[in-house]
N, C-alpha and C. Protein backbone atom coordinates (compact mmCIF):
# COMPACT_ATOMS: atom_id res chain seq x y z
N MET A 1 27.44 33.89 83.38
CA MET A 1 27.40 33.94 81.93
C MET A 1 26.98 32.59 81.37
N LYS A 2 27.50 31.49 81.95
CA LYS A 2 27.15 30.17 81.47
C LYS A 2 25.66 29.91 81.66
N LYS A 3 25.09 30.38 82.81
CA LYS A 3 23.66 30.19 83.05
C LYS A 3 22.85 30.93 82.00
N PHE A 4 23.30 32.13 81.65
CA PHE A 4 22.59 32.93 80.66
C PHE A 4 22.57 32.21 79.31
N LEU A 5 23.72 31.64 78.88
CA LEU A 5 23.79 30.92 77.63
C LEU A 5 22.94 29.65 77.68
N LEU A 6 22.96 28.95 78.82
CA LEU A 6 22.18 27.74 78.97
C LEU A 6 20.69 28.05 78.91
N ILE A 7 20.25 29.09 79.61
CA ILE A 7 18.84 29.48 79.60
C ILE A 7 18.45 29.96 78.21
N GLY A 8 19.31 30.72 77.57
CA GLY A 8 19.03 31.20 76.22
C GLY A 8 18.93 30.04 75.24
N GLY A 9 19.82 29.05 75.38
CA GLY A 9 19.78 27.87 74.50
C GLY A 9 18.50 27.08 74.69
N ILE A 10 18.08 26.92 75.94
CA ILE A 10 16.84 26.19 76.23
C ILE A 10 15.65 26.95 75.64
N ALA A 11 15.65 28.26 75.78
CA ALA A 11 14.56 29.06 75.24
C ALA A 11 14.49 28.93 73.72
N VAL A 12 15.65 28.92 73.06
CA VAL A 12 15.69 28.78 71.60
C VAL A 12 15.16 27.41 71.19
N LEU A 13 15.60 26.36 71.90
CA LEU A 13 15.12 25.02 71.58
C LEU A 13 13.62 24.90 71.81
N ALA A 14 13.12 25.48 72.88
CA ALA A 14 11.69 25.44 73.17
C ALA A 14 10.91 26.17 72.07
N ALA A 15 11.42 27.30 71.66
CA ALA A 15 10.75 28.07 70.61
C ALA A 15 10.75 27.29 69.29
N CYS A 16 11.86 26.62 68.99
CA CYS A 16 11.93 25.81 67.77
C CYS A 16 10.92 24.68 67.81
N GLY A 17 10.80 24.04 68.95
CA GLY A 17 9.86 22.94 69.09
C GLY A 17 8.43 23.40 68.86
N GLN A 18 8.09 24.58 69.34
CA GLN A 18 6.74 25.10 69.17
C GLN A 18 6.49 25.46 67.70
N LYS A 19 7.47 26.04 67.05
CA LYS A 19 7.29 26.44 65.65
C LYS A 19 7.14 25.22 64.75
N GLU A 20 7.84 24.13 65.07
CA GLU A 20 7.77 22.94 64.22
C GLU A 20 6.41 22.27 64.32
N SER A 21 5.78 22.29 65.50
CA SER A 21 4.53 21.58 65.63
C SER A 21 3.41 22.25 64.83
N ALA A 22 3.38 23.55 64.81
CA ALA A 22 2.32 24.23 64.05
C ALA A 22 2.47 24.01 62.55
N PRO A 23 3.67 24.19 61.96
CA PRO A 23 3.79 23.92 60.53
C PRO A 23 3.54 22.46 60.19
N ALA A 24 3.93 21.55 61.07
CA ALA A 24 3.71 20.13 60.77
C ALA A 24 2.21 19.87 60.65
N ALA A 25 1.42 20.45 61.53
CA ALA A 25 -0.03 20.28 61.44
C ALA A 25 -0.55 20.94 60.17
N ASN A 26 -0.02 22.11 59.85
CA ASN A 26 -0.45 22.79 58.63
C ASN A 26 -0.04 22.00 57.39
N ASP A 27 1.17 21.41 57.41
CA ASP A 27 1.63 20.61 56.28
C ASP A 27 0.72 19.40 56.08
N ALA A 28 0.32 18.75 57.18
CA ALA A 28 -0.56 17.59 57.07
C ALA A 28 -1.91 18.00 56.49
N ASN A 29 -2.44 19.14 56.93
CA ASN A 29 -3.72 19.62 56.40
C ASN A 29 -3.59 19.98 54.92
N ALA A 30 -2.47 20.63 54.56
CA ALA A 30 -2.26 21.03 53.17
C ALA A 30 -2.12 19.80 52.28
N ALA A 31 -1.41 18.78 52.78
CA ALA A 31 -1.24 17.56 51.99
C ALA A 31 -2.57 16.86 51.78
N ALA A 32 -3.41 16.87 52.80
CA ALA A 32 -4.71 16.22 52.67
C ALA A 32 -5.61 16.98 51.69
N ALA A 33 -5.48 18.30 51.64
CA ALA A 33 -6.33 19.11 50.78
C ALA A 33 -5.78 19.25 49.36
N ALA A 34 -4.48 18.96 49.17
CA ALA A 34 -3.87 19.14 47.85
C ALA A 34 -4.40 18.11 46.87
N PRO A 35 -4.65 18.51 45.62
CA PRO A 35 -5.11 17.55 44.63
C PRO A 35 -4.02 16.52 44.33
N VAL A 36 -4.44 15.33 44.05
CA VAL A 36 -3.49 14.27 43.72
C VAL A 36 -3.05 14.46 42.28
N THR A 37 -1.73 14.51 42.08
CA THR A 37 -1.18 14.65 40.74
C THR A 37 -0.95 13.26 40.18
N PRO A 38 -1.54 12.95 39.03
CA PRO A 38 -1.34 11.61 38.47
C PRO A 38 0.12 11.40 38.08
N ALA A 39 0.54 10.15 38.11
CA ALA A 39 1.90 9.82 37.72
C ALA A 39 2.12 10.20 36.26
N GLU A 40 3.33 10.63 35.96
CA GLU A 40 3.63 11.01 34.57
C GLU A 40 3.54 9.78 33.68
N PHE A 41 3.04 9.97 32.50
CA PHE A 41 2.89 8.90 31.54
C PHE A 41 4.26 8.31 31.22
N GLN A 42 4.36 7.00 31.24
CA GLN A 42 5.61 6.31 30.95
C GLN A 42 5.53 5.69 29.57
N LEU A 43 6.37 6.12 28.67
CA LEU A 43 6.37 5.63 27.30
C LEU A 43 7.41 4.52 27.09
N ASN A 44 8.53 4.63 27.78
CA ASN A 44 9.60 3.65 27.59
C ASN A 44 9.15 2.27 28.06
N GLU A 45 9.63 1.26 27.34
CA GLU A 45 9.31 -0.14 27.58
C GLU A 45 7.80 -0.40 27.52
N THR A 46 7.17 0.15 26.47
CA THR A 46 5.76 -0.12 26.20
C THR A 46 5.62 -0.57 24.76
N THR A 47 4.53 -1.28 24.49
CA THR A 47 4.20 -1.72 23.14
C THR A 47 2.74 -1.40 22.89
N TRP A 48 2.45 -0.95 21.67
CA TRP A 48 1.12 -0.50 21.28
C TRP A 48 0.74 -1.11 19.96
N THR A 49 -0.55 -1.33 19.74
CA THR A 49 -1.04 -1.75 18.44
C THR A 49 -2.10 -0.76 17.98
N PHE A 50 -2.17 -0.57 16.68
CA PHE A 50 -3.17 0.33 16.10
C PHE A 50 -3.28 0.05 14.61
N THR A 51 -4.29 0.62 14.01
CA THR A 51 -4.45 0.55 12.56
C THR A 51 -4.13 1.93 12.01
N ASP A 52 -3.16 1.99 11.11
CA ASP A 52 -2.74 3.31 10.59
C ASP A 52 -3.74 3.82 9.56
N LYS A 53 -3.48 5.02 9.05
CA LYS A 53 -4.41 5.66 8.11
C LYS A 53 -4.55 4.91 6.81
N ASP A 54 -3.59 4.02 6.50
CA ASP A 54 -3.67 3.21 5.29
C ASP A 54 -4.33 1.85 5.54
N GLY A 55 -4.81 1.63 6.77
CA GLY A 55 -5.49 0.38 7.09
C GLY A 55 -4.56 -0.74 7.51
N GLN A 56 -3.27 -0.45 7.68
CA GLN A 56 -2.31 -1.46 8.11
C GLN A 56 -2.38 -1.67 9.61
N ALA A 57 -2.34 -2.93 10.05
CA ALA A 57 -2.21 -3.23 11.48
C ALA A 57 -0.75 -3.01 11.86
N VAL A 58 -0.52 -2.18 12.88
CA VAL A 58 0.84 -1.79 13.26
C VAL A 58 1.08 -2.15 14.72
N GLN A 59 2.29 -2.63 14.98
CA GLN A 59 2.74 -2.81 16.36
C GLN A 59 3.96 -1.92 16.54
N GLU A 60 3.93 -1.12 17.60
CA GLU A 60 5.03 -0.20 17.85
C GLU A 60 5.55 -0.43 19.26
N SER A 61 6.86 -0.65 19.37
CA SER A 61 7.50 -0.87 20.66
C SER A 61 8.53 0.22 20.92
N VAL A 62 8.54 0.69 22.17
CA VAL A 62 9.49 1.71 22.60
C VAL A 62 10.40 1.07 23.65
N ASP A 63 11.71 1.10 23.40
CA ASP A 63 12.63 0.45 24.34
C ASP A 63 12.94 1.35 25.53
N ALA A 64 13.80 0.88 26.43
CA ALA A 64 14.12 1.61 27.66
C ALA A 64 14.79 2.95 27.39
N SER A 65 15.43 3.10 26.23
CA SER A 65 16.12 4.35 25.90
C SER A 65 15.24 5.33 25.11
N GLY A 66 14.01 4.92 24.78
CA GLY A 66 13.11 5.80 24.04
C GLY A 66 13.17 5.61 22.53
N ASN A 67 13.88 4.59 22.06
CA ASN A 67 13.90 4.30 20.63
C ASN A 67 12.69 3.44 20.29
N TYR A 68 12.05 3.73 19.16
CA TYR A 68 10.89 2.94 18.79
C TYR A 68 11.08 2.27 17.44
N VAL A 69 10.36 1.17 17.27
CA VAL A 69 10.30 0.46 16.00
C VAL A 69 8.84 0.12 15.77
N ALA A 70 8.34 0.46 14.58
CA ALA A 70 6.97 0.12 14.20
C ALA A 70 7.02 -0.91 13.09
N THR A 71 6.25 -1.98 13.26
CA THR A 71 6.22 -3.04 12.27
C THR A 71 4.78 -3.34 11.86
N SER A 72 4.65 -3.84 10.65
CA SER A 72 3.37 -4.35 10.16
C SER A 72 3.68 -5.75 9.63
N GLY A 73 3.22 -6.74 10.38
CA GLY A 73 3.62 -8.11 10.06
C GLY A 73 5.12 -8.24 10.32
N ALA A 74 5.85 -8.76 9.37
CA ALA A 74 7.30 -8.91 9.52
C ALA A 74 8.06 -7.71 8.97
N LYS A 75 7.33 -6.73 8.43
CA LYS A 75 7.98 -5.59 7.77
C LYS A 75 8.11 -4.39 8.72
N GLU A 76 9.33 -3.87 8.81
CA GLU A 76 9.56 -2.64 9.58
C GLU A 76 9.06 -1.47 8.75
N ILE A 77 8.17 -0.65 9.32
CA ILE A 77 7.65 0.48 8.56
C ILE A 77 8.12 1.82 9.09
N ASP A 78 8.63 1.85 10.32
CA ASP A 78 9.16 3.11 10.85
C ASP A 78 10.04 2.81 12.04
N ARG A 79 10.94 3.74 12.30
CA ARG A 79 11.78 3.68 13.51
C ARG A 79 12.24 5.08 13.81
N GLY A 80 12.61 5.31 15.06
CA GLY A 80 13.09 6.63 15.45
C GLY A 80 13.19 6.75 16.95
N THR A 81 13.04 7.97 17.44
CA THR A 81 13.16 8.24 18.87
C THR A 81 11.84 8.82 19.39
N SER A 82 11.65 8.62 20.67
CA SER A 82 10.44 9.15 21.31
C SER A 82 10.82 9.77 22.65
N ALA A 83 9.97 10.69 23.09
CA ALA A 83 10.18 11.33 24.39
C ALA A 83 8.86 11.94 24.84
N MET A 84 8.70 12.07 26.13
CA MET A 84 7.54 12.76 26.69
C MET A 84 7.90 14.23 26.80
N LYS A 85 7.02 15.09 26.27
CA LYS A 85 7.23 16.54 26.31
C LYS A 85 5.90 17.21 26.65
N ASP A 86 5.88 17.94 27.74
CA ASP A 86 4.67 18.65 28.16
C ASP A 86 3.45 17.74 28.19
N GLY A 87 3.64 16.51 28.67
CA GLY A 87 2.54 15.57 28.81
C GLY A 87 2.10 14.91 27.52
N LYS A 88 2.86 15.08 26.45
CA LYS A 88 2.54 14.46 25.17
C LYS A 88 3.65 13.50 24.77
N ALA A 89 3.26 12.45 24.04
CA ALA A 89 4.24 11.49 23.51
C ALA A 89 4.69 12.01 22.15
N CYS A 90 5.98 12.29 22.03
CA CYS A 90 6.53 12.87 20.80
C CYS A 90 7.45 11.87 20.11
N PHE A 91 7.28 11.73 18.80
CA PHE A 91 8.03 10.77 18.01
C PHE A 91 8.73 11.49 16.87
N THR A 92 10.00 11.13 16.65
CA THR A 92 10.76 11.68 15.53
C THR A 92 11.30 10.50 14.73
N SER A 93 10.81 10.35 13.52
CA SER A 93 11.22 9.25 12.66
C SER A 93 12.62 9.49 12.12
N THR A 94 13.39 8.42 12.04
CA THR A 94 14.69 8.50 11.38
C THR A 94 14.60 7.98 9.94
N MET A 95 13.36 7.60 9.54
CA MET A 95 13.18 7.04 8.20
C MET A 95 12.57 8.05 7.22
N ASP A 96 12.07 9.15 7.72
CA ASP A 96 11.53 10.18 6.83
C ASP A 96 11.87 11.57 7.38
N LYS A 97 11.49 12.57 6.66
CA LYS A 97 11.82 13.95 7.04
C LYS A 97 10.63 14.70 7.62
N SER A 98 9.64 13.97 8.17
CA SER A 98 8.41 14.61 8.65
C SER A 98 8.61 15.40 9.94
N GLY A 99 9.73 15.21 10.62
CA GLY A 99 9.98 15.94 11.86
C GLY A 99 9.23 15.31 13.03
N GLU A 100 9.21 16.01 14.12
CA GLU A 100 8.60 15.50 15.34
C GLU A 100 7.07 15.61 15.28
N THR A 101 6.40 14.55 15.72
CA THR A 101 4.95 14.55 15.84
C THR A 101 4.61 14.19 17.28
N CYS A 102 3.81 15.03 17.95
CA CYS A 102 3.44 14.80 19.34
C CYS A 102 1.97 14.43 19.43
N TRP A 103 1.64 13.53 20.35
CA TRP A 103 0.29 12.99 20.52
C TRP A 103 -0.17 13.15 21.97
N THR A 104 -1.45 13.46 22.13
CA THR A 104 -2.03 13.47 23.47
C THR A 104 -2.05 12.03 23.97
N VAL A 105 -1.79 11.83 25.24
CA VAL A 105 -1.78 10.49 25.81
C VAL A 105 -2.37 10.52 27.21
N GLN A 106 -2.70 9.34 27.68
CA GLN A 106 -3.15 9.18 29.06
C GLN A 106 -2.70 7.80 29.50
N PRO A 107 -2.44 7.62 30.78
CA PRO A 107 -2.03 6.29 31.25
C PRO A 107 -3.16 5.28 31.02
N VAL A 108 -2.82 4.14 30.46
CA VAL A 108 -3.78 3.05 30.28
C VAL A 108 -3.11 1.74 30.66
N ALA A 109 -3.91 0.82 31.14
CA ALA A 109 -3.42 -0.50 31.51
C ALA A 109 -3.23 -1.36 30.26
N ILE A 110 -2.42 -2.38 30.39
CA ILE A 110 -2.24 -3.33 29.30
C ILE A 110 -3.60 -3.93 28.98
N GLY A 111 -3.93 -3.95 27.70
CA GLY A 111 -5.21 -4.47 27.25
C GLY A 111 -6.26 -3.37 27.07
N SER A 112 -5.93 -2.15 27.45
CA SER A 112 -6.86 -1.02 27.31
C SER A 112 -6.45 -0.13 26.15
N SER A 113 -7.43 0.62 25.64
CA SER A 113 -7.19 1.52 24.52
C SER A 113 -7.33 2.97 24.95
N MET A 114 -6.77 3.84 24.14
CA MET A 114 -6.96 5.28 24.32
C MET A 114 -7.04 5.93 22.96
N ASN A 115 -7.71 7.06 22.92
CA ASN A 115 -7.76 7.87 21.71
C ASN A 115 -6.68 8.93 21.83
N ALA A 116 -5.87 9.04 20.81
CA ALA A 116 -4.78 10.02 20.79
C ALA A 116 -5.01 10.97 19.61
N THR A 117 -4.61 12.22 19.81
CA THR A 117 -4.71 13.22 18.75
C THR A 117 -3.35 13.87 18.59
N SER A 118 -2.88 13.96 17.35
CA SER A 118 -1.58 14.56 17.10
C SER A 118 -1.70 16.08 17.07
N ASP A 119 -0.57 16.74 17.16
CA ASP A 119 -0.54 18.21 17.03
C ASP A 119 -1.01 18.64 15.65
N LYS A 120 -0.99 17.72 14.68
CA LYS A 120 -1.43 18.01 13.31
C LYS A 120 -2.91 17.70 13.12
N GLY A 121 -3.60 17.26 14.21
CA GLY A 121 -5.03 16.98 14.14
C GLY A 121 -5.39 15.55 13.76
N GLU A 122 -4.40 14.69 13.54
CA GLU A 122 -4.68 13.29 13.22
C GLU A 122 -5.21 12.59 14.47
N LYS A 123 -6.16 11.69 14.29
CA LYS A 123 -6.73 10.93 15.40
C LYS A 123 -6.39 9.47 15.23
N LEU A 124 -6.14 8.80 16.36
CA LEU A 124 -5.72 7.42 16.32
C LEU A 124 -6.15 6.74 17.61
N THR A 125 -6.68 5.53 17.51
CA THR A 125 -6.99 4.73 18.69
C THR A 125 -5.89 3.69 18.81
N VAL A 126 -5.22 3.67 19.95
CA VAL A 126 -4.12 2.74 20.17
C VAL A 126 -4.44 1.86 21.37
N MET A 127 -3.97 0.62 21.32
CA MET A 127 -4.17 -0.30 22.44
C MET A 127 -2.81 -0.67 23.01
N ARG A 128 -2.71 -0.60 24.33
CA ARG A 128 -1.47 -1.01 24.98
C ARG A 128 -1.50 -2.53 25.13
N VAL A 129 -0.41 -3.17 24.75
CA VAL A 129 -0.29 -4.62 24.86
C VAL A 129 0.97 -4.94 25.66
N ASP A 130 1.15 -6.22 25.99
CA ASP A 130 2.35 -6.62 26.71
C ASP A 130 3.59 -6.16 25.96
N TYR A 131 4.58 -5.69 26.72
CA TYR A 131 5.80 -5.17 26.12
C TYR A 131 6.53 -6.24 25.32
N VAL A 132 6.89 -5.88 24.09
CA VAL A 132 7.71 -6.72 23.23
C VAL A 132 8.93 -5.87 22.89
N PRO A 133 10.13 -6.28 23.30
CA PRO A 133 11.32 -5.48 22.96
C PRO A 133 11.39 -5.21 21.47
N ALA A 134 11.83 -4.02 21.14
CA ALA A 134 11.85 -3.57 19.73
C ALA A 134 12.64 -4.53 18.85
N ALA A 135 13.72 -5.08 19.33
CA ALA A 135 14.51 -6.00 18.52
C ALA A 135 13.69 -7.25 18.19
N ALA A 136 12.85 -7.69 19.13
CA ALA A 136 12.02 -8.87 18.90
C ALA A 136 10.84 -8.53 17.99
N ALA A 137 10.48 -7.25 17.93
CA ALA A 137 9.35 -6.84 17.12
C ALA A 137 9.68 -6.85 15.64
N GLN A 138 10.97 -6.87 15.29
CA GLN A 138 11.36 -6.77 13.88
C GLN A 138 11.08 -8.01 13.14
């Protein structure tokens, strides 16, 4: 009986070893053929500059918790919360009742610009700059 269990155990281990090698090769081929998914856009701890619809130069900083502060010169013009949702940067002001506004985004390096479009159809060109903590931006 012990020989039967020992032979059966060896057969099971041998079968497992054979099954693992084929999927491992298939996994390697699948990984090589799979499209590369870009890293998710990171909004926290970023700072952006842009010119708003009124012609004001604005600097907006988003802290590690997703809170943002927008300033024009020494004047605070907006603040609120931000979050990434379905690949869009969404902002909810705590200074007005406009509700959430989401913008198309793409990863850009510091010093580079991107064109963003809001869900409301507004267009804006923003430039990513070195991070300035929101408290320092005030």
